[in-house]
Protein backbone atom coordinates (compact mmCIF):
# COMPACT_ATOMS: atom_id res chain seq x y z
CA MET A 1 72.56 113.41 87.42
CA THR A 2 73.27 113.80 91.13
CA SER A 3 75.11 116.69 92.77
CA ALA A 4 75.30 116.22 96.51
CA LEU A 5 77.52 115.76 99.52
CA THR A 6 75.57 115.11 102.69
CA ALA A 7 77.06 116.59 105.87
CA PRO A 8 78.26 114.03 108.44
CA PRO A 9 75.76 113.35 111.24
CA ASP A 10 77.95 114.84 113.97
CA GLY A 11 77.83 118.25 112.34
CA GLN A 12 81.58 118.28 111.69
CA PRO A 13 82.69 119.21 108.18
CA ALA A 14 84.17 116.66 105.82
CA SER A 15 87.92 116.87 105.28
CA ARG A 16 87.32 119.41 102.50
CA ARG A 17 84.34 121.40 101.27
CA ASP A 18 84.96 121.69 97.55
CA ALA A 19 82.21 122.06 94.97
CA PRO A 20 79.84 119.07 94.96
CA LEU A 21 80.62 116.28 92.54
CA VAL A 22 78.24 115.84 89.62
CA THR A 23 77.72 112.15 88.91
CA PRO A 24 75.29 110.02 86.88
CA ASP A 25 72.56 108.40 88.94
CA LEU A 26 72.87 104.77 89.95
CA PRO A 27 70.49 102.28 88.31
CA HIS A 28 67.60 100.26 89.77
CA GLY A 29 66.54 102.90 92.27
CA LEU A 30 69.84 102.74 94.19
CA GLU A 31 70.49 106.48 93.97
CA GLU A 32 68.01 107.37 96.70
CA LEU A 33 69.35 104.63 98.98
CA LEU A 34 72.93 105.84 98.52
CA GLN A 35 71.99 109.40 99.46
CA VAL A 36 70.17 108.12 102.55
CA ARG A 37 73.13 105.94 103.57
CA LEU A 38 75.92 108.49 103.03
CA PRO A 39 75.82 110.18 106.46
CA ALA A 40 76.02 106.81 108.20
CA LEU A 41 78.87 105.70 105.94
CA ILE A 42 80.87 108.83 106.76
CA ALA A 43 80.20 108.19 110.44
CA THR A 44 81.40 104.60 110.01
CA ARG A 45 84.62 105.76 108.38
CA ARG A 46 85.25 108.16 111.24
CA HIS A 47 84.58 105.45 113.81
CA LEU A 48 87.06 103.13 112.09
CA HIS A 49 89.61 105.94 111.87
CA ALA A 50 89.24 106.71 115.57
CA ASN A 51 89.47 103.02 116.54
CA PRO A 52 92.18 101.47 114.36
CA GLU A 53 93.58 97.98 114.86
CA LEU A 54 96.97 96.66 113.83
CA SER A 55 97.50 93.90 111.28
CA GLY A 56 96.40 90.53 112.58
CA HIS A 57 94.37 92.03 115.44
CA GLU A 58 91.36 93.46 113.58
CA PHE A 59 88.81 91.71 115.81
CA ALA A 60 86.60 94.68 116.75
CA THR A 61 86.76 95.98 113.19
CA ALA A 62 85.66 92.61 111.82
CA ALA A 63 82.85 92.41 114.38
CA ARG A 64 81.54 95.83 113.37
CA ILE A 65 81.70 94.92 109.69
CA ALA A 66 79.78 91.70 110.33
CA ALA A 67 77.15 93.58 112.34
CA GLU A 68 76.66 96.18 109.58
CA LEU A 69 76.28 93.48 106.94
CA THR A 70 73.84 91.53 109.11
CA ARG A 71 71.71 94.65 109.51
CA ALA A 72 71.60 94.85 105.70
CA GLY A 73 70.05 91.37 105.62
CA LEU A 74 73.24 89.55 104.62
CA GLN A 75 74.95 86.54 106.20
CA PRO A 76 78.63 87.35 106.76
CA ARG A 77 81.12 84.80 108.06
CA LEU A 78 84.28 85.53 109.97
CA LEU A 79 87.65 84.21 108.87
CA PRO A 80 89.02 81.39 111.06
CA LYS A 81 90.97 83.82 113.27
CA GLY A 82 87.98 86.14 113.64
CA ASN A 83 89.75 89.20 112.26
CA GLY A 84 88.33 89.30 108.74
CA VAL A 85 84.98 88.85 107.00
CA ILE A 86 83.68 87.18 103.84
CA CYS A 87 80.11 87.83 102.77
CA ASP A 88 78.24 86.78 99.64
CA VAL A 89 75.44 88.92 98.24
CA ASN A 90 73.36 86.24 96.56
CA GLY A 91 71.66 87.30 93.37
CA ARG A 92 70.42 85.01 90.62
CA ALA A 93 71.75 81.51 91.15
CA GLU A 94 72.66 80.95 87.50
CA GLY A 95 74.97 83.97 87.44
CA PRO A 96 78.75 84.11 88.00
CA VAL A 97 80.64 85.08 91.17
CA VAL A 98 82.53 88.38 91.29
CA ALA A 99 84.65 89.39 94.29
CA LEU A 100 85.35 92.85 95.71
CA ARG A 101 88.11 93.20 98.28
CA ALA A 102 88.88 95.79 100.98
CA ASP A 103 91.78 95.67 103.44
CA ILE A 104 90.94 96.62 107.03
CA ASP A 105 94.19 96.92 109.06
CA ALA A 106 95.96 100.05 110.30
CA LEU A 107 99.61 101.06 110.65
CA PRO A 108 101.84 101.46 113.73
CA LEU A 109 101.95 105.26 113.47
CA ALA A 110 100.79 108.02 115.79
CA ASP A 111 97.91 110.11 114.41
CA VAL A 112 98.96 113.77 114.42
CA LYS A 113 95.82 115.27 112.84
CA ASP A 114 93.67 117.75 114.76
CA VAL A 115 90.28 116.30 113.79
CA PRO A 116 87.33 114.95 115.83
CA TYR A 117 87.97 111.43 114.49
CA ARG A 118 91.66 111.36 115.38
CA SER A 119 92.87 107.92 116.45
CA THR A 120 92.17 107.09 120.09
CA VAL A 121 94.67 104.21 120.04
CA GLU A 122 98.18 105.33 120.92
CA GLY A 123 100.66 104.67 118.15
CA VAL A 124 98.11 103.23 115.70
CA CYS A 125 96.60 105.07 112.73
CA HIS A 126 94.73 104.45 109.50
CA ALA A 127 97.45 106.18 107.50
CA CYS A 128 96.89 104.24 104.27
CA GLY A 129 93.15 104.69 103.74
CA HIS A 130 92.03 101.20 104.70
CA ASP A 131 89.21 102.75 106.73
CA VAL A 132 87.97 104.27 103.47
CA HIS A 133 88.30 100.97 101.59
CA THR A 134 86.30 99.22 104.31
CA THR A 135 83.58 101.87 104.41
CA VAL A 136 83.20 101.89 100.63
CA LEU A 137 82.77 98.12 100.50
CA LEU A 138 80.20 98.23 103.32
CA GLY A 139 78.22 100.77 101.31
CA VAL A 140 78.46 98.59 98.22
CA GLY A 141 77.20 95.60 100.18
CA GLN A 142 74.20 97.56 101.46
CA LEU A 143 73.22 98.69 97.96
CA LEU A 144 73.75 95.30 96.35
CA ALA A 145 71.71 93.66 99.10
CA ARG A 146 68.77 95.86 98.03
CA LEU A 147 69.30 94.77 94.42
CA ALA A 148 69.30 91.13 95.45
CA GLU A 149 66.02 91.62 97.33
CA GLN A 150 64.53 93.03 94.11
CA ASP A 151 65.91 90.12 92.03
CA GLU A 152 67.95 92.64 90.02
CA LEU A 153 71.42 91.22 90.84
CA PRO A 154 72.51 88.98 87.94
CA GLY A 155 74.81 86.73 89.97
CA ARG A 156 76.71 86.61 93.24
CA VAL A 157 79.04 89.29 94.63
CA ARG A 158 81.55 88.24 97.28
CA LEU A 159 82.63 90.96 99.68
CA ILE A 160 86.09 90.30 101.14
CA PHE A 161 87.19 92.33 104.16
CA GLN A 162 90.80 91.24 104.47
CA PRO A 163 93.09 91.57 107.50
CA ALA A 164 96.87 91.94 107.62
CA GLU A 165 97.62 93.63 104.30
CA GLU A 166 100.47 95.61 105.83
CA ILE A 167 102.53 92.70 107.21
CA LEU A 168 104.10 89.39 106.25
CA PRO A 169 102.79 86.81 105.86
CA CYS A 170 100.02 88.55 103.97
CA GLY A 171 96.37 88.40 104.92
CA ALA A 172 95.42 87.69 101.31
CA LEU A 173 96.85 84.20 101.72
CA GLU A 174 94.57 83.62 104.73
CA VAL A 175 91.54 84.62 102.69
CA ILE A 176 92.50 82.34 99.81
CA GLU A 177 93.08 79.44 102.20
CA ALA A 178 89.65 80.06 103.72
CA GLY A 179 87.99 79.65 100.32
CA GLY A 180 87.63 83.33 99.53
CA LEU A 181 88.23 82.75 95.82
CA ASP A 182 86.11 79.63 95.40
CA ASP A 183 84.05 79.94 92.19
CA VAL A 184 85.18 83.55 91.65
CA THR A 185 85.50 84.64 88.01
CA GLN A 186 86.92 88.15 88.54
CA ILE A 187 88.10 90.21 91.53
CA PHE A 188 88.47 93.97 91.97
CA ALA A 189 89.86 96.36 94.58
CA LEU A 190 90.43 100.07 95.14
CA HIS A 191 93.32 101.84 96.81
CA CYS A 192 93.34 105.45 98.00
CA ASP A 193 95.62 107.75 96.00
CA PRO A 194 96.26 111.30 97.27
CA ASN A 195 97.95 112.12 93.96
CA LEU A 196 94.55 112.05 92.25
CA PRO A 197 91.68 114.47 92.98
CA VAL A 198 88.34 113.18 94.17
CA GLY A 199 86.28 112.03 91.20
CA LYS A 200 89.28 110.57 89.36
CA VAL A 201 90.11 106.86 89.12
CA GLY A 202 93.57 105.69 88.05
CA LEU A 203 93.50 102.73 85.66
CA ARG A 204 96.36 100.76 84.13
CA VAL A 205 96.68 97.47 82.24
CA GLY A 206 99.51 95.24 83.47
CA PRO A 207 101.74 95.92 86.49
CA ILE A 208 100.47 98.74 88.69
CA THR A 209 102.55 98.04 91.83
CA ALA A 210 105.96 96.52 92.51
CA ALA A 211 106.93 93.29 94.18
CA ALA A 212 108.01 93.86 97.78
CA ASP A 213 110.17 91.60 99.98
CA ASN A 214 111.80 92.05 103.39
CA VAL A 215 115.56 91.56 103.79
CA THR A 216 117.39 91.23 107.12
CA VAL A 217 121.16 90.76 107.33
CA ARG A 218 122.55 89.66 110.70
CA LEU A 219 126.33 89.67 111.21
CA THR A 220 128.10 88.04 114.14
CA GLY A 221 131.68 87.88 115.41
CA PRO A 222 133.64 87.52 118.66
CA GLY A 223 133.60 91.24 119.54
CA GLY A 224 136.48 93.03 121.23
CA HIS A 225 138.28 96.26 122.01
CA THR A 226 138.36 99.07 119.44
CA ALA A 227 142.10 99.39 120.15
CA ARG A 228 142.68 95.92 118.70
CA PRO A 229 140.36 95.39 115.70
CA HIS A 230 142.94 93.06 114.14
CA LEU A 231 142.22 90.52 116.89
CA THR A 232 138.50 90.35 116.23
CA VAL A 233 135.94 91.10 113.49
CA ASP A 234 134.98 94.73 113.04
CA LEU A 235 131.23 94.34 112.61
CA VAL A 236 130.53 98.07 112.33
CA ASP A 237 132.81 98.20 109.31
CA ALA A 238 131.23 95.06 107.89
CA LEU A 239 127.73 96.42 108.39
CA GLY A 240 128.71 99.67 106.69
CA ARG A 241 129.82 97.69 103.67
CA VAL A 242 126.51 95.85 103.55
CA VAL A 243 124.31 98.94 103.62
CA THR A 244 126.44 100.96 101.18
CA GLU A 245 127.76 98.36 98.72
CA VAL A 246 125.08 95.66 98.46
CA PRO A 247 122.27 97.78 96.93
CA ALA A 248 124.49 99.03 94.10
CA LEU A 249 125.98 95.61 93.41
CA VAL A 250 122.56 93.92 93.32
CA ASN A 251 121.44 96.48 90.74
CA ARG A 252 124.37 95.50 88.53
CA ARG A 253 123.14 91.89 88.45
CA VAL A 254 119.69 92.65 86.96
CA PRO A 255 118.38 94.46 83.85
CA ALA A 256 118.31 98.23 84.25
CA ASN A 257 114.62 98.38 83.33
CA SER A 258 113.58 95.93 86.06
CA GLY A 259 113.19 98.81 88.50
CA LEU A 260 114.89 97.00 91.38
CA LEU A 261 115.26 99.07 94.54
CA LEU A 262 116.97 97.71 97.67
CA VAL A 263 116.83 100.18 100.58
CA PHE A 264 117.87 99.52 104.17
CA GLY A 265 115.61 101.32 106.63
CA HIS A 266 117.24 100.05 109.82
CA ALA A 267 120.84 99.42 110.85
CA SER A 268 122.22 98.88 114.33
CA ALA A 269 125.48 97.74 115.88
CA GLY A 270 127.11 98.20 119.26
CA THR A 271 126.34 100.02 122.49
CA ARG A 272 129.65 101.76 123.43
CA TYR A 273 132.20 103.86 121.57
CA ASN A 274 135.17 101.67 122.56
CA VAL A 275 133.66 98.18 122.16
CA ILE A 276 133.50 96.31 118.87
CA PRO A 277 130.10 94.55 119.02
CA SER A 278 129.49 90.85 118.56
CA GLU A 279 126.32 91.39 116.54
CA ALA A 280 125.12 93.85 113.90
CA VAL A 281 121.85 93.97 111.98
CA ALA A 282 120.51 95.75 108.91
CA SER A 283 116.99 95.34 107.54
CA GLY A 284 115.14 96.82 104.62
CA THR A 285 112.95 96.16 101.62
CA LEU A 286 113.62 94.98 98.12
CA ARG A 287 111.15 96.26 95.56
CA VAL A 288 111.12 95.38 91.89
CA MET A 289 108.72 96.14 89.05
CA ASP A 290 109.50 93.09 86.95
CA ARG A 291 108.07 89.67 87.88
CA ASP A 292 110.93 87.68 86.29
CA THR A 293 113.53 89.65 88.27
CA TRP A 294 111.50 89.16 91.45
CA ASP A 295 111.71 85.40 90.93
CA ILE A 296 115.52 85.45 90.96
CA ALA A 297 116.06 88.29 93.47
CA PRO A 298 116.58 86.12 96.60
CA LYS A 299 119.44 84.19 94.99
CA ILE A 300 121.14 87.36 93.77
CA VAL A 301 120.86 89.18 97.10
CA SER A 302 122.17 86.18 99.02
CA GLN A 303 125.22 85.85 96.79
CA VAL A 304 126.06 89.57 96.82
CA VAL A 305 125.72 89.86 100.61
CA ARG A 306 128.03 86.92 101.19
CA ASP A 307 130.57 88.20 98.65
CA VAL A 308 130.64 91.64 100.30
CA VAL A 309 130.95 90.30 103.85
CA ALA A 310 133.46 87.49 103.12
CA PRO A 311 136.64 89.66 103.32
CA THR A 312 135.63 90.98 106.76
CA GLY A 313 135.49 87.57 108.44
CA ALA A 314 131.99 88.13 109.83
CA THR A 315 129.45 85.32 109.94
CA VAL A 316 126.34 86.07 107.86
CA ASP A 317 122.76 85.08 108.56
CA LEU A 318 120.46 86.31 105.80
CA ASP A 319 116.69 86.26 106.33
CA TYR A 320 115.04 86.92 102.98
CA GLN A 321 111.27 87.01 103.48
CA ARG A 322 109.15 86.77 100.35
CA GLY A 323 106.43 89.39 100.41
CA ARG A 324 104.21 89.79 97.40
CA PRO A 325 104.57 89.86 93.62
CA PRO A 326 103.56 92.91 91.56
CA VAL A 327 99.85 93.53 91.08
CA SER A 328 99.32 92.93 87.36
CA ASN A 329 95.94 94.09 86.10
CA ASP A 330 94.12 91.88 83.62
CA SER A 331 93.16 93.72 80.41
CA ARG A 332 89.56 92.47 80.40
CA ALA A 333 89.15 93.45 84.04
CA ILE A 334 90.42 96.94 83.19
CA GLN A 335 87.83 97.09 80.41
CA VAL A 336 85.17 96.40 83.05
CA LEU A 337 86.59 99.11 85.30
CA THR A 338 86.75 101.55 82.38
CA THR A 339 83.07 101.14 81.53
CA ALA A 340 82.19 101.20 85.23
CA THR A 341 84.13 104.42 85.82
CA THR A 342 82.43 106.07 82.87
CA ALA A 343 79.02 104.97 84.15
CA ALA A 344 79.76 106.08 87.71
CA LEU A 345 81.64 109.33 87.11
CA GLY A 346 81.48 110.16 83.43
CA GLN A 347 84.27 109.95 80.87
CA ASP A 348 86.33 112.57 82.73
CA GLY A 349 86.61 110.24 85.72
CA ILE A 350 89.27 108.08 84.07
CA ALA A 351 92.91 108.97 84.70
CA GLU A 352 96.14 107.34 83.62
CA THR A 353 98.29 106.10 86.47
CA PRO A 354 101.92 104.91 86.57
CA GLN A 355 103.31 101.73 88.08
CA SER A 356 104.41 102.50 91.63
CA MET A 357 107.13 101.01 93.83
CA GLY A 358 104.57 100.29 96.55
CA GLY A 359 103.63 96.70 97.34
CA GLU A 360 100.09 95.31 97.63
CA ASP A 361 99.07 91.78 98.56
CA PHE A 362 96.07 92.01 96.22
CA SER A 363 98.61 90.50 93.82
CA TRP A 364 98.15 87.08 95.44
CA TYR A 365 94.50 87.00 94.41
CA LEU A 366 95.52 87.72 90.83
CA GLU A 367 97.76 84.66 90.89
CA HIS A 368 94.51 82.63 91.02
CA VAL A 369 91.83 84.63 89.19
CA PRO A 370 91.90 87.61 86.77
CA GLY A 371 91.12 91.00 88.18
CA ALA A 372 92.35 94.55 88.65
CA LEU A 373 93.26 97.18 91.22
CA ALA A 374 92.18 100.79 90.60
CA ARG A 375 93.48 103.92 92.29
CA LEU A 376 90.77 105.98 93.97
CA GLY A 377 91.44 109.70 94.05
CA VAL A 378 91.12 111.07 97.58
CA GLY A 379 92.62 114.52 97.06
CA ARG A 380 95.51 116.02 98.95
CA VAL A 381 94.04 117.66 102.04
CA GLY A 382 97.38 119.19 103.07
CA PRO A 383 100.79 119.93 101.50
CA ASN A 384 102.56 117.13 103.38
CA VAL A 385 99.78 114.53 103.35
CA ASP A 386 100.71 111.21 101.77
CA LEU A 387 100.18 107.50 102.29
CA HIS A 388 101.89 106.03 105.37
CA ARG A 389 102.29 109.44 106.96
CA ALA A 390 100.85 110.22 110.37
CA SER A 391 99.07 113.25 108.87
CA PHE A 392 97.21 111.24 106.20
CA ASP A 393 93.56 112.12 105.65
CA VAL A 394 91.08 112.13 102.77
CA ASP A 395 88.41 114.27 101.21
CA GLU A 396 85.41 112.24 102.41
CA ARG A 397 83.49 112.74 99.18
CA THR A 398 85.64 109.87 97.96
CA ILE A 399 83.42 107.45 99.91
CA GLU A 400 80.47 108.22 97.64
CA VAL A 401 82.71 107.96 94.59
CA GLY A 402 84.05 104.58 95.68
CA VAL A 403 80.60 103.15 96.33
CA ARG A 404 79.34 104.30 92.93
CA LEU A 405 82.37 102.86 91.19
CA LEU A 406 82.30 99.41 92.81
CA VAL A 407 78.53 99.01 92.40
CA GLN A 408 78.92 99.70 88.69
CA THR A 409 81.98 97.44 88.55
CA ALA A 410 80.14 94.51 90.10
CA LEU A 411 77.15 94.88 87.80
CA ARG A 412 79.26 95.17 84.66
CA SER A 413 81.49 92.28 85.61
CA LEU A 414 78.49 90.04 86.26
CA THR A 415 76.91 91.04 82.97
CA ALA A 416 80.12 90.60 80.98
CA ALA A 417 80.74 87.16 82.47
């Protein structure tokens, strides 16, 4: 059993200094290598956090990932745009192919933390933990490369460092188009969860996230004077009806247990108090837990929007952008993760986790091959720290936990296949 947390090389403390985690040792002599690599992995995470890149522009991040993998003796290849990486760790040729995926993009948020690794890029921040996902998968690649050298890897493990998870169209589709799932039998991923303490992994069979689409409603009319609304189309009134009436009416068209949630996060109309505008816009997200309801949601939203706007006389332009279906975990893949979590952290490492309303484009991979997404406990390092908040940070012990878990996951998936 191992009980250790190595201090980062710059002498700065990790996000928290709780009692060390006690974990079973990794097999095949990997335990010593992990302990040697941990300081560099923490430094890598901090570098990524300080130098974030927005979705679709992860060029420096991809270059660093490729360089790290090359130093480990691997042969990474960049995605066609150069902002993502695919790398196979080649074990025994007769074995199956298992994929592990990490997303690498950051969010358009200012970093408000007072830490040495605070973002140096104005208005950009790793506020969803993708820097942790990336670092964990780099550590896994380094350890599995050692196994492959020793002829102890019973198959091939594909490391996928995916861009553009946070935007539409999704980066997962780019990876699939580039052959990222060719020959893959199972695929796994982790996502940071501040609702779980470090050392806990949230597992769930079936849907674990919601479907997520983008909805934009654009209304137009001739515009005019607020003294004479009867001679024009009052777009402010029409927009108010859209944002207040449409969500409730859409909910009445679907089963109550579908978990549909339509929320407008932006609405704008007009520039002066006495001018009725000629254009008004509202945009938001539609999230739904049920796959069948997601399939019919665009038709329902379109009909309800047009029915609500029709009495106002406004012209409607609806842009309904399909995002991603729910992530639905395969039961056999969850069995692999269950045994892997027990091997990596002990029986107490497993935690139940609910389906969330968050969206994740890992779902597109699961449309092609079976697999599962697990929630990686990162602790709550402050009372107001959550995903997609400018204050988001993690207990860095989670890097070691993630590496242990995915190494065990890869080995058990290869063996089971």
